[in-house]
Amino acid sequence: MATPLLMPKATAVWLIDNTALTFDQVAAFCSLHPLEVQGIADGDVAGGIMGASPLNNGQLTREEITKAEADPAYRMKMSDPKVVVAQAKRKGPRYTPISRRNERPGAIKWLVRSHPELKDAQIMRLVGTTKTTIEAVREGSHWNAANLTAMDPVTLGLCSQIDLDMEVKKAARGGNTPDEADQGTMLLSAEEALSSAARNMAEKDAALSGETDTEGQDAKEGRDDFDADSVFAKLTSLKNDDDDE
């Protein structure tokens, strides 16, 4: 997964002010439209934004800029990050930008058709919708059901392919549902805790009683193994030794 550019507009401002790159090259590197880059150069867009150097951020090298300045058709490549920062685990439904919210019903329709094994909670996490909307799309009672077109949520940018594959694998495994997995460790009630403690004490007492009975049985068997004749013979020899003295 490519590392996103830090502050694309601020980076574009810096590249325009400090390099001889074309608008198309700056737009390609900053993931902006060429007209937006031209607006930044004219001062109509990103007014007041201070330039941010991609060299200081470690996302571009001076050699890459020099190479691009010599060839207008060349598109600069972002440098590999020196430090990989783990992404924080997202909690709750995915946030969907306002401009994309009208596309969610089509994504829901695609998920319901292509992956019927997915649970409502999983669809809610993927596209940031509600259970009511999912049920309306599934049952065909959505207010715009006649005009809905099934669209891949990954193509729409509502979720990543990694997130979709992960949810599909969870649903395919069966067993514990994702909702149960998200709940984590559940605390026992007071009654359950007391009952569990009493059961553990009873098991320990039974184990100790069994060990005591086993030791007593072993001692008894040991006494039965004694030979009475050998004991009396030994006592007789000791008595004779005392008489000789």
Protein backbone atom coordinates (compact mmCIF):
# COMPACT_ATOMS: atom_id res chain seq x y z
CA MET A 1 0.00 0.00 0.00
CA ALA A 2 1.46 3.35 -1.11
CA THR A 3 2.23 5.92 1.54
CA PRO A 4 0.01 9.00 1.12
CA LEU A 5 1.68 12.34 0.50
CA LEU A 6 1.80 14.65 3.49
CA MET A 7 -0.04 17.96 2.90
CA PRO A 8 -0.44 17.72 -0.90
CA LYS A 9 -1.45 21.36 -1.44
CA ALA A 10 1.34 22.68 0.76
CA THR A 11 3.75 20.43 -1.12
CA ALA A 12 2.44 21.74 -4.43
CA VAL A 13 3.02 25.30 -3.24
CA TRP A 14 6.64 24.48 -2.40
CA LEU A 15 7.28 22.70 -5.71
CA ILE A 16 5.85 25.59 -7.71
CA ASP A 17 7.94 28.14 -5.82
CA ASN A 18 11.21 26.19 -5.70
CA THR A 19 11.40 24.04 -8.83
CA ALA A 20 10.97 24.27 -12.60
CA LEU A 21 8.50 21.38 -12.75
CA THR A 22 5.48 21.57 -15.02
CA PHE A 23 1.96 21.80 -13.66
CA ASP A 24 1.29 18.25 -14.87
CA GLN A 25 4.31 16.90 -12.99
CA VAL A 26 3.32 18.68 -9.78
CA ALA A 27 -0.28 17.52 -10.17
CA ALA A 28 0.78 13.90 -10.71
CA PHE A 29 3.04 13.87 -7.67
CA CYS A 30 0.56 15.65 -5.37
CA SER A 31 -2.53 13.79 -6.67
CA LEU A 32 -4.16 17.06 -7.71
CA HIS A 33 -5.81 18.22 -10.93
CA PRO A 34 -3.54 20.25 -13.24
CA LEU A 35 -6.05 23.10 -13.22
CA GLU A 36 -5.92 23.13 -9.43
CA VAL A 37 -2.13 23.34 -9.57
CA GLN A 38 -2.42 26.20 -12.06
CA GLY A 39 -4.83 27.92 -9.67
CA ILE A 40 -2.26 27.53 -6.87
CA ALA A 41 0.38 29.12 -9.11
CA ASP A 42 -1.97 32.01 -9.96
CA GLY A 43 -2.85 32.54 -6.31
CA ASP A 44 -6.53 31.65 -6.78
CA VAL A 45 -6.27 28.36 -4.83
CA ALA A 46 -4.65 27.51 -1.48
CA GLY A 47 -4.24 31.15 -0.53
CA GLY A 48 -2.34 31.56 2.72
CA ILE A 49 -0.98 28.01 2.72
CA MET A 50 2.74 27.86 3.45
CA GLY A 51 4.82 25.55 1.32
CA ALA A 52 5.97 22.24 2.82
CA SER A 53 9.20 20.77 1.50
CA PRO A 54 8.90 17.10 0.50
CA LEU A 55 12.70 16.93 0.87
CA ASN A 56 12.46 17.64 4.59
CA ASN A 57 9.60 15.15 4.92
CA GLY A 58 11.74 12.46 3.31
CA GLN A 59 9.15 11.83 0.59
CA LEU A 60 11.21 13.15 -2.32
CA THR A 61 14.89 13.44 -3.20
CA ARG A 62 16.77 16.25 -4.90
CA GLU A 63 17.93 13.79 -7.58
CA GLU A 64 14.33 12.94 -8.41
CA ILE A 65 13.46 16.63 -8.82
CA THR A 66 16.49 17.23 -11.04
CA LYS A 67 15.57 14.27 -13.22
CA ALA A 68 11.99 15.52 -13.59
CA GLU A 69 13.11 19.06 -14.44
CA ALA A 70 15.25 17.68 -17.28
CA ASP A 71 12.38 15.61 -18.72
CA PRO A 72 8.85 17.14 -18.65
CA ALA A 73 7.36 13.74 -19.46
CA TYR A 74 8.91 12.14 -16.39
CA ARG A 75 6.72 11.55 -13.35
CA MET A 76 8.42 11.71 -9.98
CA LYS A 77 8.25 8.74 -7.62
CA MET A 78 7.81 9.09 -3.90
CA SER A 79 10.69 7.86 -1.74
CA ASP A 80 10.17 4.84 0.46
CA PRO A 81 9.50 5.81 4.09
CA LYS A 82 12.38 5.25 6.48
CA VAL A 83 10.05 4.53 9.36
CA VAL A 84 6.85 2.52 9.06
CA VAL A 85 4.19 3.67 11.48
CA ALA A 86 1.49 1.17 12.33
CA GLN A 87 -1.99 2.38 11.56
CA ALA A 88 -4.31 2.75 14.50
CA LYS A 89 -7.11 0.24 14.58
CA ARG A 90 -10.33 1.86 13.54
CA LYS A 91 -13.22 1.62 15.97
CA GLY A 92 -16.85 2.05 15.08
CA PRO A 93 -18.40 2.61 11.62
CA ARG A 94 -16.22 3.97 8.85
CA TYR A 95 -16.61 7.70 8.21
CA THR A 96 -17.80 8.44 4.69
CA PRO A 97 -17.28 11.89 3.13
CA ILE A 98 -20.46 13.78 2.27
CA SER A 99 -19.61 13.66 -1.44
CA ARG A 100 -19.58 9.84 -1.30
CA ARG A 101 -22.61 9.21 0.88
CA ASN A 102 -25.00 9.03 -2.07
CA GLU A 103 -22.95 6.12 -3.40
CA ARG A 104 -23.36 3.97 -0.30
CA PRO A 105 -26.70 2.35 -1.29
CA GLY A 106 -25.14 1.13 -4.54
CA ALA A 107 -22.20 -0.29 -2.59
CA ILE A 108 -24.59 -1.98 -0.15
CA LYS A 109 -26.47 -3.53 -3.09
CA TRP A 110 -23.19 -4.88 -4.48
CA LEU A 111 -22.14 -6.34 -1.13
CA VAL A 112 -25.52 -7.97 -0.54
CA ARG A 113 -25.44 -9.59 -3.98
CA SER A 114 -21.75 -10.50 -4.22
CA HIS A 115 -21.18 -11.49 -0.58
CA PRO A 116 -24.47 -12.59 0.99
CA GLU A 117 -22.48 -14.19 3.81
CA LEU A 118 -21.57 -10.78 5.20
CA LYS A 119 -23.47 -9.72 8.28
CA ASP A 120 -25.06 -6.31 8.64
CA ALA A 121 -22.45 -5.24 11.19
CA GLN A 122 -19.68 -6.02 8.69
CA ILE A 123 -21.36 -4.02 5.92
CA MET A 124 -21.82 -1.15 8.36
CA ARG A 125 -18.08 -1.17 9.10
CA LEU A 126 -17.12 -1.31 5.44
CA VAL A 127 -19.24 1.52 4.03
CA GLY A 128 -20.22 3.47 7.15
CA THR A 129 -23.97 2.98 6.85
CA THR A 130 -26.85 2.03 9.12
CA LYS A 131 -28.76 -1.20 9.65
CA THR A 132 -31.97 0.45 8.49
CA THR A 133 -30.43 1.41 5.14
CA ILE A 134 -29.02 -2.10 4.65
CA GLU A 135 -32.42 -3.69 5.30
CA ALA A 136 -34.12 -1.22 2.94
CA VAL A 137 -31.66 -2.01 0.12
CA ARG A 138 -31.87 -5.76 0.73
CA GLU A 139 -35.68 -5.77 0.78
CA GLY A 140 -35.99 -3.34 -2.15
CA SER A 141 -37.86 -0.76 -0.07
CA HIS A 142 -35.18 1.93 -0.39
CA TRP A 143 -36.58 5.24 -1.61
CA ASN A 144 -34.27 5.13 -4.65
CA ALA A 145 -34.36 1.38 -5.20
CA ALA A 146 -35.39 1.68 -8.87
CA ASN A 147 -32.28 3.71 -9.73
CA LEU A 148 -29.70 1.88 -7.60
CA THR A 149 -26.77 0.34 -9.44
CA ALA A 150 -24.60 -2.23 -7.69
CA MET A 151 -21.08 -0.82 -7.41
CA ASP A 152 -17.94 -2.26 -5.85
CA PRO A 153 -17.23 -0.25 -2.65
CA VAL A 154 -13.49 -0.56 -3.30
CA THR A 155 -13.90 1.08 -6.71
CA LEU A 156 -16.00 3.81 -5.12
CA GLY A 157 -13.32 4.42 -2.52
CA LEU A 158 -15.61 3.62 0.41
CA CYS A 159 -13.28 0.92 1.73
CA SER A 160 -9.99 -0.73 0.87
CA GLN A 161 -9.59 -4.14 -0.73
CA ILE A 162 -7.75 -5.32 2.39
CA ASP A 163 -10.70 -4.42 4.64
CA LEU A 164 -13.17 -6.12 2.30
CA ASP A 165 -11.10 -9.31 2.06
CA MET A 166 -10.71 -9.39 5.85
CA GLU A 167 -14.46 -9.13 6.44
CA VAL A 168 -15.19 -11.78 3.82
CA LYS A 169 -12.70 -14.16 5.47
CA LYS A 170 -14.31 -13.57 8.86
CA ALA A 171 -17.73 -14.37 7.47
CA ALA A 172 -16.42 -17.47 5.65
CA ARG A 173 -14.80 -18.89 8.80
CA GLY A 174 -18.11 -19.04 10.61
CA GLY A 175 -18.14 -19.85 14.32
CA ASN A 176 -17.70 -16.69 16.35
CA THR A 177 -19.29 -13.75 14.63
CA PRO A 178 -17.32 -10.53 14.16
CA ASP A 179 -19.60 -8.85 16.67
CA GLU A 180 -18.68 -11.45 19.27
CA ALA A 181 -15.00 -11.07 18.45
CA ASP A 182 -15.19 -7.29 18.84
CA GLN A 183 -16.70 -7.59 22.32
CA GLY A 184 -13.45 -8.94 23.76
CA THR A 185 -13.32 -10.55 27.19
CA MET A 186 -16.62 -10.46 29.08
CA LEU A 187 -16.71 -10.07 32.88
CA LEU A 188 -18.60 -12.67 34.90
CA SER A 189 -21.52 -11.66 37.06
CA ALA A 190 -21.26 -11.95 40.86
CA GLU A 191 -23.34 -15.14 40.90
CA GLU A 192 -21.26 -16.74 38.13
CA ALA A 193 -18.00 -15.76 39.86
CA LEU A 194 -19.11 -17.25 43.21
CA SER A 195 -20.34 -20.41 41.51
CA SER A 196 -17.05 -20.79 39.63
CA ALA A 197 -15.02 -20.24 42.82
CA ALA A 198 -17.09 -22.81 44.74
CA ARG A 199 -16.66 -25.34 41.94
CA ASN A 200 -12.89 -24.80 41.90
CA MET A 201 -12.70 -25.26 45.72
CA ALA A 202 -14.68 -28.49 45.51
CA GLU A 203 -12.37 -29.83 42.81
CA LYS A 204 -9.30 -28.98 44.90
CA ASP A 205 -10.77 -30.66 48.01
CA ALA A 206 -11.56 -33.76 46.00
CA ALA A 207 -8.03 -33.85 44.63
CA LEU A 208 -6.51 -33.49 48.13
CA SER A 209 -8.78 -36.20 49.52
CA GLY A 210 -7.74 -38.52 46.73
CA GLU A 211 -4.04 -37.91 47.47
CA THR A 212 -4.58 -38.57 51.21
CA ASP A 213 -6.44 -41.80 50.52
CA THR A 214 -3.68 -42.90 48.18
CA GLU A 215 -0.97 -42.22 50.76
CA GLY A 216 -2.90 -44.12 53.44
CA GLN A 217 -3.43 -47.04 51.11
CA ASP A 218 0.29 -47.09 50.23
CA ALA A 219 1.23 -47.08 53.95
CA LYS A 220 -1.17 -49.92 54.65
CA GLU A 221 0.19 -51.95 51.77
CA GLY A 222 3.70 -51.26 53.08
CA ARG A 223 2.79 -52.68 56.51
CA ASP A 224 1.30 -55.78 54.94
CA ASP A 225 4.60 -56.43 53.18
CA PHE A 226 6.49 -56.88 56.51
CA ASP A 227 7.59 -60.48 57.29
CA ALA A 228 6.70 -61.32 60.94
CA ASP A 229 9.25 -64.16 61.19
CA SER A 230 12.13 -61.91 60.13
CA VAL A 231 11.10 -59.28 62.67
CA PHE A 232 11.00 -61.82 65.56
CA ALA A 233 14.31 -63.32 64.44
CA LYS A 234 15.92 -59.91 64.57
CA LEU A 235 14.50 -59.20 68.03
CA THR A 236 15.81 -62.61 69.28
CA SER A 237 19.32 -61.88 68.02
CA LEU A 238 19.32 -58.52 69.78
CA LYS A 239 18.23 -60.18 73.05
CA ASN A 240 21.01 -62.77 72.84
CA ASP A 241 23.59 -60.03 72.35
CA ASP A 242 22.35 -58.30 75.51
CA ASP A 243 22.63 -61.54 77.54
CA ASP A 244 26.21 -62.13 76.37
CA GLU A 245 27.17 -58.72 77.61
